[in-house]
């Protein structure tokens, strides 16, 4: 009952019950909810549409020195699809069980962070705190589909330019221990399509230069490289998943009948490239393998993110020093890592602005994008206290 009667928990649960779920997300109810939250804080709110039907909601807490560069507290409003039959609770019910666990899609990724920001600001306002730098709380769409119509477009707008952003805080990761994972960089996402052409004919013949033989050669080479990355992880305990390059065959098509050697095959690979990888050498190696296979292979990197420098975690970054001071004061264990996936922070860093990902979710079973996603009420409320300290220090830099 104490959790169910808690104002912050009720706000969070209301947010979770809005099904901003892919595909074809309708953000209308979400925008109205966030407008109500801004009104409850007595803070101005604006809605920008960098793409049609893709709203970015911006709540502004004006600083005492607004000429200084601002702080962004960012989160995304969309969530990934669900398979209701796999859940023990309705995925958008925000049920609380007897242990205080709140079940809903978005509890970990990442609606919790969005309303924790607001809860922290509510506490700071009540205490009479006044930030020196302007703080923007941004809620962006479509992060789960790559942010192409969300943050990627938003940073191109005049509105964003006028915000004069100096630092961005965004999502981190759920931790199953008492150590918080902090993202200071992200691997680059490349997607590769290979179209193999070769000799076709009857399946009983040993035809030369077939598309299948070429396909097999290149797949074997990419698999060998993949295995080298697995071995690197196994041999060096200091490495995390974000420190190596992943290559995965995700789609394969071609052929019409079992006894016909087809003239075409197509393979698609998902790649997440380590920031230490020499991109020019890696791409050349793939093209060389295609030549060694016999040629006649079309190479298409249809997604090819450019190199983006990591956010510095040293004395040259005053925002990092403020964050570290907060962590030390709160007694938090924090482990900086390269994000193994991708978040909207990469679009902020691409503009030359430092960005860090952090979520105060610890001692919690990882259920991001999984069934029965949950967060404990006490972990959620503790997160508000953590952000209260963080926001106060960041905004005074």
Protein backbone atom coordinates (compact mmCIF):
# COMPACT_ATOMS: atom_id res chain seq x y z
CA UNK A 1 0.00 0.00 0.00
CA UNK A 2 2.87 2.39 0.72
CA UNK A 3 4.11 1.93 -2.84
CA UNK A 4 0.67 2.18 -4.40
CA UNK A 5 -0.02 5.43 -2.52
CA UNK A 6 3.33 6.98 -3.41
CA UNK A 7 2.93 10.00 -5.73
CA UNK A 8 6.13 9.31 -7.69
CA UNK A 9 5.26 5.65 -8.15
CA UNK A 10 1.79 6.60 -9.41
CA UNK A 11 3.24 9.06 -11.94
CA UNK A 12 5.64 6.39 -13.16
CA UNK A 13 2.91 3.77 -13.47
CA UNK A 14 0.69 6.16 -15.42
CA UNK A 15 3.54 6.72 -17.87
CA UNK A 16 4.09 2.96 -18.24
CA UNK A 17 0.43 2.42 -19.09
CA UNK A 18 0.72 4.58 -22.20
CA UNK A 19 1.54 2.02 -24.94
CA UNK A 20 4.09 3.92 -27.00
CA UNK A 21 5.03 0.62 -28.59
CA UNK A 22 6.39 -0.12 -32.04
CA UNK A 23 5.43 -0.42 -34.79
CA UNK A 24 3.43 2.71 -35.73
CA UNK A 25 3.64 4.47 -32.37
CA UNK A 26 0.92 6.98 -31.54
CA UNK A 27 2.57 9.55 -29.26
CA UNK A 28 -0.54 11.66 -28.63
CA UNK A 29 -1.34 10.41 -25.13
CA UNK A 30 2.32 10.48 -24.19
CA UNK A 31 2.67 14.15 -25.16
CA UNK A 32 -0.42 15.07 -23.14
CA UNK A 33 0.94 13.18 -20.13
CA UNK A 34 4.27 15.02 -20.30
CA UNK A 35 2.52 18.37 -20.67
CA UNK A 36 0.61 17.64 -17.46
CA UNK A 37 3.86 16.78 -15.70
CA UNK A 38 5.43 20.07 -16.79
CA UNK A 39 2.38 21.93 -15.53
CA UNK A 40 2.60 20.19 -12.15
CA UNK A 41 6.20 21.43 -11.90
CA UNK A 42 5.21 24.90 -13.09
CA UNK A 43 7.80 24.67 -15.86
CA UNK A 44 7.31 25.67 -19.50
CA UNK A 45 7.00 22.91 -22.10
CA UNK A 46 7.31 22.92 -25.87
CA UNK A 47 6.74 20.26 -28.50
CA UNK A 48 8.88 20.16 -31.63
CA UNK A 49 8.29 17.90 -34.63
CA UNK A 50 11.61 17.29 -36.42
CA UNK A 51 9.69 14.71 -38.47
CA UNK A 52 5.98 14.26 -39.08
CA UNK A 53 4.17 12.60 -36.15
CA UNK A 54 7.47 12.35 -34.24
CA UNK A 55 7.19 14.75 -31.29
CA UNK A 56 10.09 15.85 -29.13
CA UNK A 57 8.85 17.21 -25.80
CA UNK A 58 11.13 19.76 -24.10
CA UNK A 59 10.58 20.87 -20.49
CA UNK A 60 12.72 23.87 -19.56
CA UNK A 61 14.11 24.77 -16.14
CA UNK A 62 15.70 28.16 -16.69
CA UNK A 63 19.05 28.73 -15.02
CA UNK A 64 20.17 31.86 -13.19
CA UNK A 65 22.88 32.28 -15.86
CA UNK A 66 21.08 31.25 -19.06
CA UNK A 67 23.93 32.55 -21.21
CA UNK A 68 25.95 29.50 -20.12
CA UNK A 69 25.72 26.30 -22.13
CA UNK A 70 22.84 24.11 -21.00
CA UNK A 71 22.36 20.60 -19.64
CA UNK A 72 20.13 18.04 -21.37
CA UNK A 73 18.47 15.24 -19.41
CA UNK A 74 17.35 12.99 -22.23
CA UNK A 75 15.15 9.92 -22.44
CA UNK A 76 13.14 8.24 -25.17
CA UNK A 77 9.41 7.70 -25.04
CA UNK A 78 9.09 4.66 -27.31
CA UNK A 79 9.38 1.01 -26.33
CA UNK A 80 9.97 -2.22 -28.24
CA UNK A 81 7.19 -4.69 -29.14
CA UNK A 82 5.90 -7.27 -26.66
CA UNK A 83 4.72 -10.85 -26.81
CA UNK A 84 1.88 -10.73 -24.24
CA UNK A 85 1.59 -14.53 -24.00
CA UNK A 86 5.15 -14.64 -22.63
CA UNK A 87 4.42 -12.23 -19.77
CA UNK A 88 3.08 -13.16 -16.34
CA UNK A 89 1.61 -9.64 -16.06
CA UNK A 90 -0.06 -7.56 -18.75
CA UNK A 91 2.87 -5.69 -20.37
CA UNK A 92 1.20 -2.27 -20.06
CA UNK A 93 -0.62 -2.76 -16.77
CA UNK A 94 2.25 -1.61 -14.49
CA UNK A 95 1.20 -4.22 -11.93
CA UNK A 96 3.01 -4.26 -8.57
CA UNK A 97 3.58 -7.66 -7.00
CA UNK A 98 3.95 -8.44 -3.29
CA UNK A 99 7.72 -7.81 -3.49
CA UNK A 100 7.22 -4.32 -4.86
CA UNK A 101 8.29 -5.16 -8.39
CA UNK A 102 6.59 -3.07 -11.08
CA UNK A 103 6.05 -5.03 -14.31
CA UNK A 104 5.69 -3.24 -17.64
CA UNK A 105 7.47 -2.65 -20.90
CA UNK A 106 9.66 0.40 -20.38
CA UNK A 107 10.43 -0.09 -16.69
CA UNK A 108 14.12 -0.59 -17.45
CA UNK A 109 14.34 0.80 -20.99
CA UNK A 110 13.78 3.63 -20.27
CA UNK A 111 10.60 5.31 -19.08
CA UNK A 112 11.87 4.98 -15.51
CA UNK A 113 14.70 7.42 -16.22
CA UNK A 114 12.35 9.99 -17.77
CA UNK A 115 10.07 10.24 -14.75
CA UNK A 116 12.98 9.92 -12.31
CA UNK A 117 14.37 13.13 -13.81
CA UNK A 118 11.03 14.81 -13.14
CA UNK A 119 10.84 13.42 -9.60
CA UNK A 120 14.33 14.71 -8.87
CA UNK A 121 13.47 18.17 -10.20
CA UNK A 122 10.31 18.16 -8.09
CA UNK A 123 12.43 17.60 -4.97
CA UNK A 124 14.94 20.26 -5.97
CA UNK A 125 12.20 22.80 -6.62
CA UNK A 126 10.64 22.04 -3.25
CA UNK A 127 14.00 22.65 -1.58
CA UNK A 128 14.34 26.05 -3.23
CA UNK A 129 17.29 25.00 -5.39
CA UNK A 130 18.05 27.21 -8.40
CA UNK A 131 20.27 25.87 -11.19
CA UNK A 132 23.00 28.07 -12.62
CA UNK A 133 22.78 26.47 -16.06
CA UNK A 134 19.48 25.96 -17.84
CA UNK A 135 18.30 22.36 -17.64
CA UNK A 136 16.29 20.85 -20.49
CA UNK A 137 14.40 17.62 -19.93
CA UNK A 138 13.93 16.13 -23.39
CA UNK A 139 11.66 13.25 -24.33
CA UNK A 140 12.40 11.98 -27.84
CA UNK A 141 10.67 9.44 -30.11
CA UNK A 142 11.85 6.44 -32.10
CA UNK A 143 15.12 5.67 -30.32
CA UNK A 144 14.30 1.97 -30.52
CA UNK A 145 14.30 2.14 -34.32
CA UNK A 146 17.61 3.97 -34.51
CA UNK A 147 16.57 7.52 -33.67
CA UNK A 148 16.55 8.37 -37.38
CA UNK A 149 13.31 10.36 -37.10
CA UNK A 150 13.94 11.34 -33.49
CA UNK A 151 17.19 12.62 -32.00
CA UNK A 152 19.09 12.42 -35.29
CA UNK A 153 16.71 14.96 -36.84
CA UNK A 154 16.19 16.98 -33.66
CA UNK A 155 19.87 17.95 -33.37
CA UNK A 156 19.60 19.47 -36.86
CA UNK A 157 16.82 21.88 -35.88
CA UNK A 158 17.13 25.57 -35.06
CA UNK A 159 15.43 24.82 -31.75
CA UNK A 160 18.24 22.51 -30.72
CA UNK A 161 20.86 25.00 -31.86
CA UNK A 162 19.29 27.69 -29.68
CA UNK A 163 19.43 25.37 -26.67
CA UNK A 164 23.22 25.81 -26.65
CA UNK A 165 23.82 22.35 -25.21
CA UNK A 166 27.02 21.82 -23.23
CA UNK A 167 26.38 18.33 -21.88
CA UNK A 168 23.85 15.51 -22.21
CA UNK A 169 22.87 12.79 -19.78
CA UNK A 170 21.01 9.80 -21.22
CA UNK A 171 20.29 6.13 -20.53
CA UNK A 172 22.80 3.64 -19.21
CA UNK A 173 22.18 -0.04 -18.51
CA UNK A 174 20.52 -2.23 -15.92
CA UNK A 175 23.04 -3.83 -13.57
CA UNK A 176 22.52 -7.17 -11.86
CA UNK A 177 25.13 -6.26 -9.22
CA UNK A 178 25.67 -3.18 -7.06
CA UNK A 179 27.91 -1.63 -9.74
CA UNK A 180 26.45 1.00 -12.06
CA UNK A 181 27.43 0.79 -15.75
CA UNK A 182 28.24 4.17 -17.29
CA UNK A 183 28.47 4.68 -21.06
CA UNK A 184 31.11 7.13 -22.32
CA UNK A 185 31.20 5.90 -25.94
CA UNK A 186 29.35 3.59 -28.30
CA UNK A 187 30.35 1.11 -30.92
CA UNK A 188 29.66 2.08 -34.52
CA UNK A 189 26.79 0.38 -36.27
CA UNK A 190 27.49 -0.93 -39.75
CA UNK A 191 25.10 -3.07 -41.77
CA UNK A 192 26.51 -4.96 -44.74
CA UNK A 193 24.63 -6.40 -47.71
CA UNK A 194 26.52 -8.76 -50.01
CA UNK A 195 25.01 -9.80 -53.34
CA UNK A 196 26.70 -12.87 -54.80
CA UNK A 197 26.42 -13.76 -58.49
CA UNK A 198 27.79 -16.85 -60.16
CA UNK A 199 27.34 -19.77 -62.51
CA UNK A 200 23.91 -21.42 -62.41
CA UNK A 201 22.78 -24.81 -63.64
CA UNK A 202 21.78 -28.31 -62.58
CA UNK A 203 22.30 -29.27 -58.96
CA UNK A 204 24.13 -32.47 -59.91
CA UNK A 205 27.07 -30.61 -61.46
CA UNK A 206 30.26 -29.20 -59.92
CA UNK A 207 29.95 -25.85 -61.61
CA UNK A 208 32.77 -23.28 -61.28
CA UNK A 209 32.38 -19.90 -59.56
CA UNK A 210 28.91 -20.46 -58.13
CA UNK A 211 27.24 -17.87 -55.94
CA UNK A 212 27.02 -20.48 -53.17
CA UNK A 213 30.75 -21.18 -53.12
CA UNK A 214 31.53 -17.46 -52.99
CA UNK A 215 29.00 -17.04 -50.20
CA UNK A 216 30.57 -19.88 -48.23
CA UNK A 217 34.07 -18.41 -48.57
CA UNK A 218 33.12 -14.95 -47.32
CA UNK A 219 30.96 -16.29 -44.49
CA UNK A 220 33.85 -18.45 -43.32
CA UNK A 221 36.22 -15.47 -43.30
CA UNK A 222 33.77 -13.30 -41.35
CA UNK A 223 33.13 -16.17 -38.95
CA UNK A 224 36.88 -16.53 -38.33
CA UNK A 225 37.04 -12.82 -37.51
CA UNK A 226 34.00 -13.20 -35.24
CA UNK A 227 35.70 -16.08 -33.42
CA UNK A 228 38.80 -13.94 -32.86
CA UNK A 229 36.62 -11.42 -31.02
CA UNK A 230 35.08 -14.16 -28.87
CA UNK A 231 38.56 -15.37 -27.98
CA UNK A 232 39.67 -11.85 -27.10
CA UNK A 233 36.82 -11.55 -24.60
CA UNK A 234 37.60 -14.92 -23.08
CA UNK A 235 41.32 -14.20 -22.69
CA UNK A 236 41.07 -10.69 -21.23
CA UNK A 237 38.73 -10.27 -18.26
CA UNK A 238 39.17 -6.50 -18.37
CA UNK A 239 37.31 -6.30 -21.68
CA UNK A 240 33.55 -5.85 -21.93
CA UNK A 241 31.26 -6.58 -24.88
CA UNK A 242 31.57 -2.98 -26.02
CA UNK A 243 35.34 -3.35 -26.44
CA UNK A 244 35.16 -5.88 -29.28
CA UNK A 245 33.59 -5.97 -32.74
CA UNK A 246 30.56 -8.17 -33.34
CA UNK A 247 29.65 -9.63 -36.73
CA UNK A 248 26.40 -11.56 -37.12
CA UNK A 249 24.70 -13.03 -40.18
CA UNK A 250 21.09 -11.87 -39.81
CA UNK A 251 19.46 -12.51 -43.21
CA UNK A 252 20.09 -14.96 -46.04
CA UNK A 253 18.12 -15.32 -49.27
CA UNK A 254 18.39 -16.97 -52.68
CA UNK A 255 17.57 -20.06 -54.64
CA UNK A 256 14.31 -21.34 -56.12
CA UNK A 257 14.50 -25.14 -56.03
CA UNK A 258 16.62 -27.83 -54.36
CA UNK A 259 18.11 -29.19 -57.61
CA UNK A 260 18.88 -25.84 -59.26
CA UNK A 261 22.14 -23.99 -58.57
CA UNK A 262 20.96 -20.37 -58.34
CA UNK A 263 22.72 -17.43 -60.01
CA UNK A 264 22.21 -15.20 -56.97
CA UNK A 265 22.48 -15.22 -53.18
CA UNK A 266 22.17 -12.32 -50.78
CA UNK A 267 23.48 -12.09 -47.23
CA UNK A 268 23.07 -9.33 -44.66
CA UNK A 269 25.34 -8.87 -41.65
CA UNK A 270 24.83 -6.74 -38.54
CA UNK A 271 28.12 -5.31 -37.32
CA UNK A 272 28.94 -3.31 -34.20
CA UNK A 273 32.45 -1.93 -34.50
CA UNK A 274 34.74 -1.26 -31.56
CA UNK A 275 35.97 2.33 -31.34
CA UNK A 276 39.55 0.99 -31.39
CA UNK A 277 39.07 -0.77 -34.74
CA UNK A 278 40.82 0.69 -37.80
CA UNK A 279 37.76 1.26 -40.00
CA UNK A 280 39.67 1.69 -43.26
CA UNK A 281 41.64 -1.52 -42.76
CA UNK A 282 38.51 -3.45 -41.73
CA UNK A 283 36.51 -2.39 -44.78
CA UNK A 284 39.42 -3.17 -47.11
CA UNK A 285 39.73 -6.63 -45.55
CA UNK A 286 36.08 -7.39 -46.32
CA UNK A 287 36.48 -6.22 -49.91
CA UNK A 288 39.66 -8.29 -50.27
CA UNK A 289 37.81 -11.39 -49.07
CA UNK A 290 35.16 -10.77 -51.72
CA UNK A 291 37.86 -10.55 -54.40
CA UNK A 292 39.51 -13.73 -53.10
CA UNK A 293 36.15 -15.51 -53.31
CA UNK A 294 36.16 -14.98 -57.07
CA UNK A 295 34.65 -11.55 -57.55
CA UNK A 296 31.17 -10.90 -58.83
CA UNK A 297 30.10 -9.77 -55.35
CA UNK A 298 28.34 -6.46 -54.81
CA UNK A 299 29.35 -4.88 -51.50
CA UNK A 300 26.86 -2.46 -49.95
CA UNK A 301 27.38 -0.92 -46.51
CA UNK A 302 23.80 0.35 -46.32
CA UNK A 303 24.34 1.54 -42.74
CA UNK A 304 27.73 2.99 -42.01
CA UNK A 305 28.00 5.21 -38.96
CA UNK A 306 31.07 7.45 -38.90
CA UNK A 307 33.64 7.36 -36.14
CA UNK A 308 32.50 9.39 -33.14
CA UNK A 309 34.98 10.23 -30.41
CA UNK A 310 34.40 9.07 -26.86
CA UNK A 311 33.41 11.47 -24.09
CA UNK A 312 36.47 12.20 -21.98
CA UNK A 313 36.43 11.03 -18.39
CA UNK A 314 39.23 13.19 -17.04
CA UNK A 315 39.94 16.66 -15.65
CA UNK A 316 39.43 18.23 -19.08
CA UNK A 317 35.70 17.50 -18.79
CA UNK A 318 34.13 19.53 -15.95
CA UNK A 319 30.83 17.71 -16.34
CA UNK A 320 32.56 14.41 -15.66
CA UNK A 321 34.16 15.90 -12.57
CA UNK A 322 30.71 16.98 -11.35
CA UNK A 323 29.28 13.52 -12.01
CA UNK A 324 32.18 11.85 -10.25
CA UNK A 325 31.75 14.15 -7.25
CA UNK A 326 28.11 13.09 -7.08
CA UNK A 327 28.98 9.40 -7.32
CA UNK A 328 31.59 9.77 -4.58
CA UNK A 329 29.21 11.68 -2.31
CA UNK A 330 26.50 9.04 -2.78
CA UNK A 331 28.95 6.17 -2.38
CA UNK A 332 28.03 4.67 -5.77
CA UNK A 333 30.16 2.05 -7.47
CA UNK A 334 30.48 3.06 -11.12
CA UNK A 335 32.19 1.19 -13.96
CA UNK A 336 32.64 3.15 -17.24
CA UNK A 337 32.21 1.00 -20.36
CA UNK A 338 31.64 1.39 -24.08
CA UNK A 339 27.94 0.86 -24.80
CA UNK A 340 27.65 -2.45 -26.69
CA UNK A 341 24.50 -1.29 -28.48
CA UNK A 342 23.44 2.19 -29.48
CA UNK A 343 21.67 5.11 -27.82
CA UNK A 344 20.75 8.65 -28.82
CA UNK A 345 23.96 9.90 -27.19
CA UNK A 346 25.83 9.21 -30.42
CA UNK A 347 23.97 12.02 -32.19
CA UNK A 348 24.85 14.42 -29.38
CA UNK A 349 28.53 13.39 -29.45
CA UNK A 350 28.55 13.78 -33.23
CA UNK A 351 27.83 17.48 -32.65
CA UNK A 352 30.99 17.68 -30.52
CA UNK A 353 29.09 17.71 -27.22
CA UNK A 354 30.07 15.41 -24.32
CA UNK A 355 27.39 12.87 -23.46
CA UNK A 356 27.21 10.15 -20.84
CA UNK A 357 24.74 7.33 -20.35
CA UNK A 358 23.73 6.40 -16.81
CA UNK A 359 20.74 4.61 -15.28
CA UNK A 360 20.45 4.13 -11.50
CA UNK A 361 19.11 0.58 -11.83
CA UNK A 362 21.21 -1.90 -9.83
CA UNK A 363 20.69 -5.32 -8.21
CA UNK A 364 18.03 -5.97 -10.83
CA UNK A 365 17.68 -8.86 -13.27
CA UNK A 366 18.38 -7.59 -16.79
CA UNK A 367 15.09 -7.62 -18.71
CA UNK A 368 15.71 -4.94 -21.33
CA UNK A 369 13.71 -5.96 -24.45
CA UNK A 370 12.80 -9.19 -22.64
CA UNK A 371 9.54 -10.59 -21.26
CA UNK A 372 8.43 -9.59 -17.73
CA UNK A 373 10.52 -6.41 -17.72
CA UNK A 374 10.39 -4.91 -14.23
CA UNK A 375 11.93 -2.56 -11.70
CA UNK A 376 11.51 -2.63 -7.92
CA UNK A 377 9.69 0.33 -6.42
CA UNK A 378 12.49 0.97 -3.92
CA UNK A 379 15.12 0.92 -6.69
CA UNK A 380 13.02 3.38 -8.67
CA UNK A 381 12.61 5.76 -5.72
CA UNK A 382 16.30 5.54 -4.85
CA UNK A 383 17.01 6.57 -8.44
CA UNK A 384 15.14 9.83 -7.90
CA UNK A 385 17.44 10.63 -4.97
CA UNK A 386 20.48 9.81 -7.11
CA UNK A 387 19.35 12.10 -9.91
CA UNK A 388 18.56 14.86 -7.42
CA UNK A 389 22.21 14.91 -6.41
CA UNK A 390 23.49 14.56 -9.98
CA UNK A 391 21.29 17.30 -11.43
CA UNK A 392 22.19 19.73 -8.67
CA UNK A 393 25.91 19.27 -9.34
CA UNK A 394 25.74 19.23 -13.15
CA UNK A 395 23.66 22.37 -13.28
CA UNK A 396 26.18 24.26 -11.13
CA UNK A 397 29.24 23.46 -13.28
